[in-house]
Amino acid sequence: MVQTLAEEHEARAWLDDFQQASQALLAELSALEAECEIQRTCRQQAEAYAAQVQKENTKLKRLSLALPPGTGDGDVAGEGDASPDPAQELKGLQEKLSWLLVEKKELSIQVQELQRQNRDLQEQLEKEKMERQSLRAALDSSQRTLKSFKRVSQVVTQDYCEALQKLELEQDLRLHAEAFAHKMLVAKKEASRQSSILLQSAAPGAQLLRALQEVGSLSRALEEARQQHQQQVKELEEQLGARPRQEELELARAALAAAEEGRQELRAQLQEARGRLAELEAAARSRQEEQEGDLAPSEPAPPPPPPPLPPPAPTVPVDPLLALRQRKGQANPQHRNPGAGDAKAQAVQEMMERIKNGVVLRPAKERAALSQSASKRRSAALELRGILGAMRRASRRPSGRRSSVRGQDRQLEAILQRRRRAIDVPASPPRPDSTDPGAGGRTEPGHEDAGRAASPSPWHGDGAGDPLQFRRRAVGGISRSRPCAWQAAGGEKEERGQPQTHLKPARSGADGGEQGCPSVQPSVRPA
């Protein structure tokens, strides 16, 4: 569009120049026409004068012939002397006329040339007008197309915004539905467990009621532990996302290498200073012995003062990640964006609320591919993991989190042991009947005879009436990584009028803990 306007401006300037040139040519042409008219009038006057002179000459000749030969010679001679020669005057007039004719011919040629140039300029002007009209038509069409594109883009943008809002609404509804389904599933499992236990024992005693209360409290405690574990996993992911960049890691490595070099240099200086100190001490002792040998009664001279100690070595930070974060916070305070921090904190708060509600987060859609920034973050995370692994291998220190996790595991172990002892105290102890997927492998009393007679192995769950036996742990309580859940081996089957869920245990690792225990997906089935 700008180019067309520039071309139009150039065409207008060209047309103005042509108009000025044509006006100048027309003015010159009018001047030439006026001069030609003057020359024509002069020629006409000269021709009339020549004709008159010729008539007078003929008249004079006739008079001279009519006069006698002896008379009038003096008068004629006097008249001839008085008047100019008409032949010479006629010759001058003819020369002037020929010059005027030549000039007229040249002027006519110039007029024809100017007319031809004027016609060319008129044709060029018409062409420029046509081009200008075509450019205006093209500009109008492009403007109409641009307006249509704008309208279409606005419509598409509105549709996209509506679709995005609908997608967000669907995601929120899905999350609420999952939370409600999870709550309903927990309530259903608790109600079915209590109803099955109450139906299995016709006259429940106080001990059984206490066991039921303890089972409920344990299920709630394990659910809280699972939520806390998910929260810890999210916090670790956030900490991993807030890791330093590759440039900071390289700077930290360079600083660490420089510190190591300075430390080596200081060690070398310390060794040299110690050697010099030993030499000085030996020289002082030899001098003291010589002085004691020479002057026994005189007091020994005091030993020379020791040389000054070398400067202390630069302390290498124990946690390079913490040092990098502190350095980043001190060096780049202007890069902190309060809006981004608030958005991140709000997102973390929403995720924590979802985890507390028991929602199992799943990706709403598949990501196509990782971007370049994601690959860079992954490489930085791998390097940071390698550095932390090297530091852990270099220095093994007990962790407060591990001790707290071990304390929680021991508390849960003690609660399970008390529950087992409370169940095993009566004369006819009930056998464990079923396990709760959310309780991490707890057993319920009931159906001991059917369980013993069905299979000698404690791990069976394929029959219709065979319950799942409880396996005692060889080493300590719940796994440290995450609370393990039992996997359902089959659907719900009807036995004694109540639904039962046959489960299969996950594989046990070498350390006695549970391995490969997937998280329980919330699902609601009709009773």
Protein backbone atom coordinates (compact mmCIF):
# COMPACT_ATOMS: atom_id res chain seq x y z
CA MET A 1 0.00 0.00 0.00
CA VAL A 2 2.84 2.40 0.81
CA GLN A 3 4.53 1.49 -2.48
CA THR A 4 1.40 2.25 -4.46
CA LEU A 5 1.08 5.62 -2.74
CA ALA A 6 4.72 6.42 -3.56
CA GLU A 7 4.19 5.44 -7.20
CA GLU A 8 1.07 7.59 -7.32
CA HIS A 9 3.02 10.55 -5.88
CA GLU A 10 5.77 10.07 -8.49
CA ALA A 11 3.17 9.92 -11.28
CA ARG A 12 1.62 13.15 -10.04
CA ALA A 13 5.03 14.89 -9.99
CA TRP A 14 5.72 13.59 -13.50
CA LEU A 15 2.37 14.89 -14.72
CA ASP A 16 3.06 18.31 -13.19
CA ASP A 17 6.43 18.44 -14.98
CA PHE A 18 4.76 17.47 -18.28
CA GLN A 19 2.11 20.14 -17.78
CA GLN A 20 4.72 22.82 -17.11
CA ALA A 21 6.73 21.74 -20.17
CA SER A 22 3.60 21.75 -22.35
CA GLN A 23 2.66 25.23 -21.09
CA ALA A 24 6.18 26.50 -21.89
CA LEU A 25 5.97 24.95 -25.37
CA LEU A 26 2.57 26.50 -25.96
CA ALA A 27 3.89 29.93 -24.89
CA GLU A 28 6.87 29.57 -27.23
CA LEU A 29 4.57 28.40 -30.01
CA SER A 30 2.32 31.46 -29.56
CA ALA A 31 5.40 33.73 -29.67
CA LEU A 32 6.57 32.03 -32.86
CA GLU A 33 3.12 32.38 -34.40
CA ALA A 34 3.10 36.11 -33.55
CA GLU A 35 6.54 36.55 -35.11
CA CYS A 36 5.45 34.57 -38.16
CA GLU A 37 2.41 36.81 -38.50
CA ILE A 38 4.65 39.87 -38.33
CA GLN A 39 6.95 38.43 -40.98
CA ARG A 40 3.96 37.64 -43.18
CA THR A 41 2.63 41.17 -42.93
CA CYS A 42 6.09 42.53 -43.70
CA ARG A 43 6.34 40.25 -46.76
CA GLN A 44 2.93 41.33 -47.96
CA GLN A 45 3.87 44.99 -47.58
CA ALA A 46 7.17 44.34 -49.38
CA GLU A 47 5.37 42.56 -52.23
CA ALA A 48 2.87 45.43 -52.52
CA TYR A 49 5.69 47.96 -52.51
CA ALA A 50 7.59 45.95 -55.15
CA ALA A 51 4.48 45.79 -57.33
CA GLN A 52 4.00 49.51 -56.97
CA VAL A 53 7.63 50.18 -57.84
CA GLN A 54 7.37 47.90 -60.85
CA LYS A 55 4.27 49.76 -62.00
CA GLU A 56 6.07 53.07 -61.61
CA ASN A 57 9.04 51.69 -63.53
CA THR A 58 6.83 50.57 -66.41
CA LYS A 59 5.10 53.93 -66.39
CA LEU A 60 8.41 55.72 -66.47
CA LYS A 61 9.60 53.51 -69.31
CA ARG A 62 6.44 54.27 -71.22
CA LEU A 63 6.87 58.01 -70.66
CA SER A 64 10.51 57.84 -71.65
CA LEU A 65 9.60 56.10 -74.87
CA ALA A 66 6.86 58.61 -75.56
CA LEU A 67 9.18 61.65 -75.18
CA PRO A 68 11.40 62.76 -78.10
CA PRO A 69 14.97 61.65 -77.95
CA GLY A 70 16.51 65.10 -77.44
CA THR A 71 14.14 66.28 -74.75
CA GLY A 72 13.88 65.36 -71.25
CA ASP A 73 17.34 63.83 -70.84
CA GLY A 74 18.37 66.29 -68.19
CA ASP A 75 15.07 65.91 -66.34
CA VAL A 76 15.28 62.15 -66.47
CA ALA A 77 18.86 62.20 -65.34
CA GLY A 78 17.91 64.52 -62.49
CA GLU A 79 14.99 62.32 -61.51
CA GLY A 80 17.25 59.22 -61.75
CA ASP A 81 19.76 60.83 -59.48
CA ALA A 82 17.10 61.89 -57.03
CA SER A 83 15.29 58.48 -56.71
CA PRO A 84 17.06 55.21 -55.68
CA ASP A 85 17.59 52.30 -58.00
CA PRO A 86 14.41 50.14 -57.89
CA ALA A 87 16.28 47.01 -59.06
CA GLN A 88 18.60 47.07 -56.11
CA GLU A 89 15.73 47.74 -53.75
CA LEU A 90 13.78 44.87 -55.31
CA LYS A 91 16.79 42.59 -54.97
CA GLY A 92 17.13 43.47 -51.27
CA LEU A 93 13.47 42.87 -50.75
CA GLN A 94 13.70 39.49 -52.51
CA GLU A 95 16.64 38.47 -50.33
CA LYS A 96 14.77 39.52 -47.24
CA LEU A 97 11.73 37.60 -48.44
CA SER A 98 13.78 34.46 -49.04
CA TRP A 99 15.28 34.76 -45.56
CA LEU A 100 11.82 35.16 -44.09
CA LEU A 101 10.63 32.09 -46.00
CA VAL A 102 13.54 30.00 -44.69
CA GLU A 103 12.86 31.19 -41.16
CA LYS A 104 9.17 30.43 -41.63
CA LYS A 105 10.03 26.91 -42.78
CA GLU A 106 12.23 26.36 -39.72
CA LEU A 107 9.53 27.72 -37.45
CA SER A 108 6.95 25.43 -39.05
CA ILE A 109 9.27 22.47 -38.47
CA GLN A 110 9.68 23.49 -34.82
CA VAL A 111 5.91 23.87 -34.48
CA GLN A 112 5.38 20.37 -35.89
CA GLU A 113 7.99 18.98 -33.46
CA LEU A 114 6.31 20.72 -30.53
CA GLN A 115 2.92 19.41 -31.62
CA ARG A 116 4.33 15.90 -31.82
CA GLN A 117 5.82 16.24 -28.32
CA ASN A 118 2.52 17.57 -27.05
CA ARG A 119 0.69 14.55 -28.50
CA ASP A 120 3.24 12.22 -26.88
CA LEU A 121 2.78 13.97 -23.56
CA GLN A 122 -0.98 13.69 -23.87
CA GLU A 123 -0.72 9.96 -24.59
CA GLN A 124 1.65 9.47 -21.64
CA LEU A 125 -0.71 11.44 -19.43
CA GLU A 126 -3.60 9.20 -20.46
CA LYS A 127 -1.48 6.12 -19.70
CA GLU A 128 -0.61 7.49 -16.25
CA LYS A 129 -4.29 8.14 -15.61
CA MET A 130 -5.14 4.55 -16.55
CA GLU A 131 -2.38 3.20 -14.30
CA ARG A 132 -3.58 5.41 -11.47
CA GLN A 133 -7.12 4.11 -11.89
CA SER A 134 -5.87 0.49 -11.89
CA LEU A 135 -3.80 1.18 -8.74
CA ARG A 136 -6.82 2.68 -7.04
CA ALA A 137 -8.91 -0.36 -7.98
CA ALA A 138 -6.20 -2.72 -6.64
CA LEU A 139 -5.94 -0.66 -3.45
CA ASP A 140 -9.69 -0.80 -2.95
CA SER A 141 -9.74 -4.57 -3.48
CA SER A 142 -6.86 -5.05 -1.02
CA GLN A 143 -8.64 -2.90 1.55
CA ARG A 144 -11.82 -4.93 1.14
CA THR A 145 -9.82 -8.16 1.50
CA LEU A 146 -8.10 -6.80 4.62
CA LYS A 147 -11.44 -5.85 6.14
CA SER A 148 -12.81 -9.33 5.44
CA PHE A 149 -9.69 -10.87 7.01
CA LYS A 150 -10.17 -8.70 10.08
CA ARG A 151 -13.79 -9.78 10.42
CA VAL A 152 -12.85 -13.45 10.01
CA SER A 153 -10.01 -13.13 12.53
CA GLN A 154 -12.34 -11.52 15.05
CA VAL A 155 -14.86 -14.32 14.61
CA VAL A 156 -12.14 -16.97 14.95
CA THR A 157 -10.76 -15.25 18.06
CA GLN A 158 -14.20 -15.17 19.65
CA ASP A 159 -14.73 -18.85 18.85
CA TYR A 160 -11.31 -19.69 20.31
CA CYS A 161 -12.03 -17.78 23.51
CA GLU A 162 -15.39 -19.52 23.87
CA ALA A 163 -13.81 -22.93 23.27
CA LEU A 164 -11.06 -22.16 25.80
CA GLN A 165 -13.59 -21.11 28.42
CA LYS A 166 -15.60 -24.24 27.74
CA LEU A 167 -12.47 -26.38 28.08
CA GLU A 168 -11.58 -24.77 31.41
CA LEU A 169 -15.15 -25.28 32.62
CA GLU A 170 -15.03 -28.95 31.58
CA GLN A 171 -11.70 -29.42 33.36
CA ASP A 172 -13.05 -27.82 36.55
CA LEU A 173 -16.18 -29.97 36.38
CA ARG A 174 -14.04 -33.07 35.84
CA LEU A 175 -11.90 -32.24 38.86
CA HIS A 176 -14.98 -31.66 41.03
CA ALA A 177 -16.49 -34.92 39.79
CA GLU A 178 -13.29 -36.81 40.59
CA ALA A 179 -13.17 -35.27 44.07
CA PHE A 180 -16.81 -36.18 44.71
CA ALA A 181 -16.24 -39.70 43.34
CA HIS A 182 -13.22 -40.12 45.60
CA LYS A 183 -15.21 -39.04 48.66
CA MET A 184 -18.09 -41.35 47.73
CA LEU A 185 -15.66 -44.23 47.18
CA VAL A 186 -14.04 -43.74 50.59
CA ALA A 187 -17.45 -43.50 52.28
CA LYS A 188 -18.70 -46.58 50.43
CA LYS A 189 -15.63 -48.62 51.34
CA GLU A 190 -15.89 -47.63 54.99
CA ALA A 191 -19.62 -48.38 55.11
CA SER A 192 -19.22 -51.72 53.30
CA ARG A 193 -16.35 -52.70 55.60
CA GLN A 194 -18.29 -51.85 58.75
CA SER A 195 -21.49 -53.52 57.48
CA SER A 196 -19.63 -56.69 56.49
CA ILE A 197 -17.94 -56.87 59.88
CA LEU A 198 -21.24 -56.26 61.69
CA LEU A 199 -23.04 -58.92 59.63
CA GLN A 200 -20.23 -61.46 60.08
CA SER A 201 -20.33 -61.13 63.84
CA ALA A 202 -23.89 -61.46 65.14
CA ALA A 203 -23.13 -60.03 68.59
CA PRO A 204 -20.32 -57.53 68.30
CA GLY A 205 -18.55 -56.84 71.54
CA ALA A 206 -16.76 -53.82 72.87
CA GLN A 207 -13.44 -55.12 71.60
CA LEU A 208 -14.80 -55.44 68.06
CA LEU A 209 -16.24 -51.93 68.22
CA ARG A 210 -12.88 -50.63 69.37
CA ALA A 211 -11.25 -52.52 66.49
CA LEU A 212 -13.70 -50.90 64.06
CA GLN A 213 -12.95 -47.47 65.46
CA GLU A 214 -9.25 -48.19 65.24
CA VAL A 215 -9.66 -49.37 61.63
CA GLY A 216 -11.46 -46.13 60.75
CA SER A 217 -8.82 -44.00 62.46
CA LEU A 218 -6.06 -45.98 60.74
CA SER A 219 -7.72 -45.55 57.35
CA ARG A 220 -8.00 -41.82 57.92
CA ALA A 221 -4.39 -41.65 59.13
CA LEU A 222 -3.15 -43.56 56.10
CA GLU A 223 -5.20 -41.37 53.77
CA GLU A 224 -3.67 -38.28 55.40
CA ALA A 225 -0.21 -39.85 55.07
CA ARG A 226 -0.86 -40.49 51.38
CA GLN A 227 -1.95 -36.90 50.87
CA GLN A 228 1.11 -35.63 52.76
CA HIS A 229 3.30 -37.82 50.58
CA GLN A 230 1.71 -36.39 47.43
CA GLN A 231 2.22 -32.90 48.84
CA GLN A 232 5.89 -33.69 49.47
CA VAL A 233 6.23 -34.98 45.90
CA LYS A 234 4.74 -31.74 44.56
CA GLU A 235 7.07 -29.68 46.76
CA LEU A 236 10.06 -31.64 45.48
CA GLU A 237 8.91 -31.06 41.91
CA GLU A 238 8.61 -27.33 42.62
CA GLN A 239 12.08 -27.29 44.18
CA LEU A 240 13.39 -29.10 41.13
CA GLY A 241 11.64 -26.54 38.90
CA ALA A 242 13.32 -23.69 40.85
CA ARG A 243 16.76 -25.12 40.21
CA PRO A 244 19.59 -22.85 39.02
CA ARG A 245 20.35 -22.42 35.36
CA GLN A 246 23.19 -23.90 33.35
CA GLU A 247 25.20 -20.65 33.43
CA GLU A 248 24.95 -20.47 37.21
CA LEU A 249 26.06 -24.09 37.51
CA GLU A 250 29.03 -23.38 35.27
CA LEU A 251 29.90 -20.29 37.33
CA ALA A 252 29.60 -22.32 40.53
CA ARG A 253 31.84 -25.01 39.07
CA ALA A 254 34.39 -22.42 37.97
CA ALA A 255 34.29 -20.81 41.43
CA LEU A 256 34.68 -24.23 43.03
CA ALA A 257 37.65 -25.03 40.79
CA ALA A 258 39.21 -21.65 41.60
CA ALA A 259 38.64 -22.27 45.31
CA GLU A 260 40.27 -25.70 45.01
CA GLU A 261 43.25 -24.17 43.22
CA GLY A 262 43.55 -21.50 45.91
CA ARG A 263 43.31 -24.18 48.54
CA GLN A 264 46.09 -26.16 46.89
CA GLU A 265 48.23 -23.03 46.68
CA LEU A 266 47.57 -22.24 50.33
CA ARG A 267 48.47 -25.80 51.27
CA ALA A 268 51.73 -25.46 49.37
CA GLN A 269 52.43 -22.15 51.11
CA LEU A 270 51.60 -23.73 54.46
CA GLN A 271 54.01 -26.59 53.81
CA GLU A 272 56.72 -24.12 52.79
CA ALA A 273 56.06 -22.05 55.92
CA ARG A 274 56.23 -25.17 58.07
CA GLY A 275 59.53 -26.13 56.45
CA ARG A 276 60.90 -22.66 57.07
CA LEU A 277 59.66 -22.78 60.64
CA ALA A 278 61.39 -26.11 61.17
CA GLU A 279 64.61 -24.72 59.71
CA LEU A 280 64.37 -21.61 61.89
CA GLU A 281 63.70 -23.75 64.96
CA ALA A 282 66.72 -25.93 64.17
CA ALA A 283 68.88 -22.84 63.64
CA ALA A 284 67.60 -21.31 66.88
CA ARG A 285 68.33 -24.51 68.79
CA SER A 286 71.84 -24.72 67.35
CA ARG A 287 72.49 -21.10 68.27
CA GLN A 288 71.08 -21.64 71.72
CA GLU A 289 73.30 -24.67 72.23
CA GLU A 290 76.33 -22.69 71.05
CA GLN A 291 75.48 -19.82 73.38
CA GLU A 292 74.96 -22.23 76.27
CA GLY A 293 78.31 -23.85 75.51
CA ASP A 294 80.09 -20.49 75.25
CA LEU A 295 78.33 -18.67 78.08
CA ALA A 296 77.10 -21.18 80.64
CA PRO A 297 76.25 -18.72 83.48
CA SER A 298 74.52 -16.21 81.18
CA GLU A 299 70.80 -16.56 80.62
CA PRO A 300 69.75 -18.17 77.35
CA ALA A 301 68.39 -15.86 74.72
CA PRO A 302 64.69 -16.14 74.01
CA PRO A 303 63.79 -18.11 70.87
CA PRO A 304 62.83 -16.14 67.80
CA PRO A 305 59.13 -15.55 67.31
CA PRO A 306 57.42 -18.04 65.01
CA PRO A 307 56.55 -16.88 61.52
CA PRO A 308 53.00 -15.66 60.92
CA LEU A 309 50.44 -18.27 60.03
CA PRO A 310 49.22 -18.41 56.42
CA PRO A 311 45.79 -17.00 55.66
CA PRO A 312 42.93 -19.46 56.13
CA ALA A 313 41.76 -21.45 53.13
CA PRO A 314 38.51 -20.36 51.52
CA THR A 315 35.64 -22.33 52.92
CA VAL A 316 33.79 -24.36 50.33
CA PRO A 317 30.02 -24.28 50.96
CA VAL A 318 28.56 -27.58 52.05
CA ASP A 319 25.43 -27.12 49.91
CA PRO A 320 26.35 -25.60 46.51
CA LEU A 321 22.67 -25.41 45.53
CA LEU A 322 21.89 -23.21 48.55
CA ALA A 323 24.92 -21.04 47.80
CA LEU A 324 23.79 -20.64 44.18
CA ARG A 325 20.30 -19.62 45.28
CA GLN A 326 21.68 -17.08 47.76
CA ARG A 327 24.04 -15.69 45.14
CA LYS A 328 21.23 -15.50 42.61
CA GLY A 329 19.02 -13.71 45.13
CA GLN A 330 21.79 -11.21 45.98
CA ALA A 331 23.02 -10.63 42.42
CA ASN A 332 19.73 -10.46 40.53
CA PRO A 333 17.09 -8.86 42.76
CA GLN A 334 15.61 -6.99 39.81
CA HIS A 335 14.68 -10.20 37.99
CA ARG A 336 12.13 -11.09 40.61
CA ASN A 337 8.65 -10.59 39.37
CA PRO A 338 6.02 -10.28 42.11
CA GLY A 339 3.22 -11.06 39.69
CA ALA A 340 4.85 -14.30 38.56
CA GLY A 341 5.54 -15.26 42.21
CA ASP A 342 1.90 -14.61 43.17
CA ALA A 343 0.66 -16.63 40.19
CA LYS A 344 3.00 -19.47 41.08
CA ALA A 345 1.96 -19.38 44.75
CA GLN A 346 -1.71 -19.38 43.74
CA ALA A 347 -1.16 -22.36 41.42
CA VAL A 348 0.69 -24.23 44.20
CA GLN A 349 -2.13 -23.42 46.64
CA GLU A 350 -4.75 -24.74 44.21
CA MET A 351 -2.75 -27.92 43.64
CA MET A 352 -2.38 -28.42 47.41
CA GLU A 353 -6.13 -28.04 47.86
CA ARG A 354 -6.76 -30.61 45.11
CA ILE A 355 -4.32 -33.02 46.74
CA LYS A 356 -5.96 -32.53 50.15
CA ASN A 357 -9.34 -33.27 48.59
CA GLY A 358 -7.98 -36.56 47.29
CA VAL A 359 -8.14 -35.78 43.55
CA VAL A 360 -5.86 -37.97 41.45
CA LEU A 361 -4.37 -35.54 38.96
CA ARG A 362 -4.11 -36.78 35.40
CA PRO A 363 -2.99 -34.94 32.27
CA ALA A 364 -5.97 -33.47 30.45
CA LYS A 365 -4.30 -33.78 27.06
CA GLU A 366 -1.14 -35.24 25.59
CA ARG A 367 1.70 -32.84 25.04
CA ALA A 368 3.11 -32.91 21.53
CA ALA A 369 6.78 -32.45 22.29
CA LEU A 370 9.02 -30.78 24.81
CA SER A 371 10.15 -27.30 23.91
CA GLN A 372 13.72 -26.11 23.86
CA SER A 373 13.38 -24.55 27.31
CA ALA A 374 12.04 -27.86 28.69
CA SER A 375 15.04 -29.74 27.25
CA LYS A 376 17.38 -27.18 28.77
CA ARG A 377 15.66 -27.52 32.14
CA ARG A 378 15.90 -31.30 31.88
CA SER A 379 19.64 -31.17 31.13
CA ALA A 380 20.16 -28.75 34.03
CA ALA A 381 18.13 -31.05 36.29
CA LEU A 382 20.27 -34.04 35.27
CA GLU A 383 23.48 -32.13 35.97
CA LEU A 384 22.15 -30.96 39.33
CA ARG A 385 21.13 -34.53 40.17
CA GLY A 386 24.65 -35.73 39.30
CA ILE A 387 26.23 -33.06 41.52
CA LEU A 388 23.92 -33.91 44.43
CA GLY A 389 24.60 -37.62 43.95
CA ALA A 390 28.34 -37.00 44.05
CA MET A 391 27.96 -34.93 47.22
CA ARG A 392 25.84 -37.64 48.84
CA ARG A 393 28.40 -40.27 47.94
CA ALA A 394 31.18 -38.06 49.28
CA SER A 395 29.54 -37.41 52.64
CA ARG A 396 26.78 -39.59 54.06
CA ARG A 397 24.88 -37.77 56.77
CA PRO A 398 21.63 -38.68 58.52
CA SER A 399 18.60 -36.69 57.44
CA GLY A 400 15.94 -35.23 59.69
CA ARG A 401 13.22 -36.06 57.18
CA ARG A 402 14.23 -39.72 57.12
CA SER A 403 14.21 -39.85 60.89
CA SER A 404 10.75 -38.25 60.95
CA VAL A 405 9.51 -40.72 58.32
CA ARG A 406 11.01 -43.58 60.33
CA GLY A 407 9.27 -42.26 63.45
CA GLN A 408 5.93 -42.17 61.62
CA ASP A 409 6.55 -45.68 60.28
CA ARG A 410 7.33 -46.89 63.79
CA GLN A 411 4.17 -45.28 65.15
CA LEU A 412 2.07 -46.96 62.44
CA GLU A 413 3.87 -50.25 63.16
CA ALA A 414 3.07 -49.93 66.86
CA ILE A 415 -0.60 -49.19 66.07
CA LEU A 416 -0.81 -52.24 63.80
CA GLN A 417 0.87 -54.44 66.45
CA ARG A 418 -1.62 -53.26 69.12
CA ARG A 419 -4.47 -53.98 66.75
CA ARG A 420 -3.16 -57.49 66.07
CA ARG A 421 -2.74 -58.18 69.77
CA ALA A 422 -6.26 -56.87 70.46
CA ILE A 423 -7.68 -59.15 67.77
CA ASP A 424 -5.64 -62.22 68.84
CA VAL A 425 -6.58 -61.92 72.59
CA PRO A 426 -10.09 -63.58 72.50
CA ALA A 427 -10.51 -67.34 72.69
CA SER A 428 -11.89 -67.63 69.16
CA PRO A 429 -9.89 -65.01 67.29
CA PRO A 430 -11.41 -63.96 63.97
CA ARG A 431 -9.37 -64.44 60.86
CA PRO A 432 -8.56 -61.49 58.59
CA ASP A 433 -11.05 -61.37 55.79
CA SER A 434 -10.40 -58.46 53.47
CA THR A 435 -8.06 -55.60 52.96
CA ASP A 436 -8.67 -51.97 52.24
CA PRO A 437 -6.99 -50.55 49.17
CA GLY A 438 -6.73 -47.12 50.77
CA ALA A 439 -5.37 -48.46 54.09
CA GLY A 440 -2.19 -49.93 52.61
CA GLY A 441 -2.77 -53.63 53.36
CA ARG A 442 -4.86 -53.74 56.59
CA THR A 443 -6.91 -56.84 57.37
CA GLU A 444 -10.46 -57.26 58.65
CA PRO A 445 -11.71 -60.09 60.88
CA GLY A 446 -14.00 -62.83 59.64
CA HIS A 447 -14.11 -66.10 57.63
CA GLU A 448 -11.14 -67.82 59.23
CA ASP A 449 -12.37 -71.38 58.65
CA ALA A 450 -13.15 -70.79 54.99
CA GLY A 451 -9.75 -69.15 54.49
CA ARG A 452 -7.86 -72.04 56.13
CA ALA A 453 -9.72 -74.80 54.36
CA ALA A 454 -9.59 -73.26 50.89
CA SER A 455 -5.84 -73.07 50.36
CA PRO A 456 -2.75 -73.84 52.46
CA SER A 457 -0.92 -70.89 50.92
CA PRO A 458 -1.47 -67.53 52.63
CA TRP A 459 -1.49 -65.73 49.25
CA HIS A 460 -4.54 -66.87 47.36
CA GLY A 461 -7.46 -64.87 46.12
CA ASP A 462 -8.68 -66.58 42.97
CA GLY A 463 -11.66 -68.50 44.42
CA ALA A 464 -15.09 -67.10 44.94
CA GLY A 465 -15.09 -67.56 48.72
CA ASP A 466 -11.35 -67.48 49.51
CA PRO A 467 -10.40 -64.39 51.50
CA LEU A 468 -7.00 -62.73 51.42
CA GLN A 469 -4.70 -63.66 54.32
CA PHE A 470 -2.56 -61.08 56.10
CA ARG A 471 1.20 -61.23 55.55
CA ARG A 472 3.43 -59.99 58.33
CA ARG A 473 6.20 -57.64 57.39
CA ALA A 474 9.76 -58.82 57.83
CA VAL A 475 11.23 -55.34 58.24
CA GLY A 476 9.62 -52.18 59.45
CA GLY A 477 6.29 -50.52 58.40
CA ILE A 478 5.16 -48.58 55.40
CA SER A 479 7.48 -47.90 52.49
CA ARG A 480 9.33 -44.60 52.61
CA SER A 481 8.73 -43.72 49.01
CA ARG A 482 4.91 -43.77 48.98
CA PRO A 483 2.03 -45.61 50.66
CA CYS A 484 1.38 -48.82 48.76
CA ALA A 485 -2.10 -49.92 47.88
CA TRP A 486 -3.46 -53.35 47.15
CA GLN A 487 -4.50 -54.07 43.61
CA ALA A 488 -7.94 -55.43 43.00
CA ALA A 489 -7.71 -58.85 41.33
CA GLY A 490 -11.32 -59.24 40.41
CA GLY A 491 -14.73 -57.63 40.54
CA GLU A 492 -17.10 -57.55 43.45
CA LYS A 493 -18.73 -60.89 44.23
CA GLU A 494 -21.69 -61.62 46.38
CA GLU A 495 -21.08 -63.77 49.47
CA ARG A 496 -23.49 -64.02 52.40
CA GLY A 497 -25.50 -61.20 50.93
CA GLN A 498 -22.61 -58.63 50.96
CA PRO A 499 -20.14 -57.62 48.22
CA GLN A 500 -16.51 -58.63 48.68
CA THR A 501 -13.43 -57.46 46.78
CA HIS A 502 -10.69 -60.03 46.17
CA LEU A 503 -7.32 -58.35 46.00
CA LYS A 504 -3.85 -59.45 45.09
CA PRO A 505 -0.76 -58.09 46.86
CA ALA A 506 1.97 -56.22 45.06
CA ARG A 507 5.43 -57.72 44.69
CA SER A 508 7.65 -57.47 47.74
CA GLY A 509 11.19 -56.18 47.36
CA ALA A 510 14.38 -57.46 48.85
CA ASP A 511 14.13 -55.09 51.83
CA GLY A 512 10.70 -56.34 52.84
CA GLY A 513 8.92 -53.20 51.63
CA GLU A 514 6.26 -52.98 48.95
CA GLN A 515 7.36 -52.32 45.37
CA GLY A 516 5.40 -51.35 42.29
CA CYS A 517 2.29 -50.25 44.20
CA PRO A 518 0.27 -48.02 41.89
CA SER A 519 -1.94 -45.26 43.17
CA VAL A 520 -5.63 -46.12 43.51
CA GLN A 521 -7.72 -44.43 40.81
CA PRO A 522 -11.08 -43.15 42.10
CA SER A 523 -14.00 -44.98 40.60
CA VAL A 524 -17.59 -45.38 41.76
CA ARG A 525 -19.41 -48.65 41.08
CA PRO A 526 -23.06 -49.29 41.80
CA ALA A 527 -23.61 -51.60 44.76
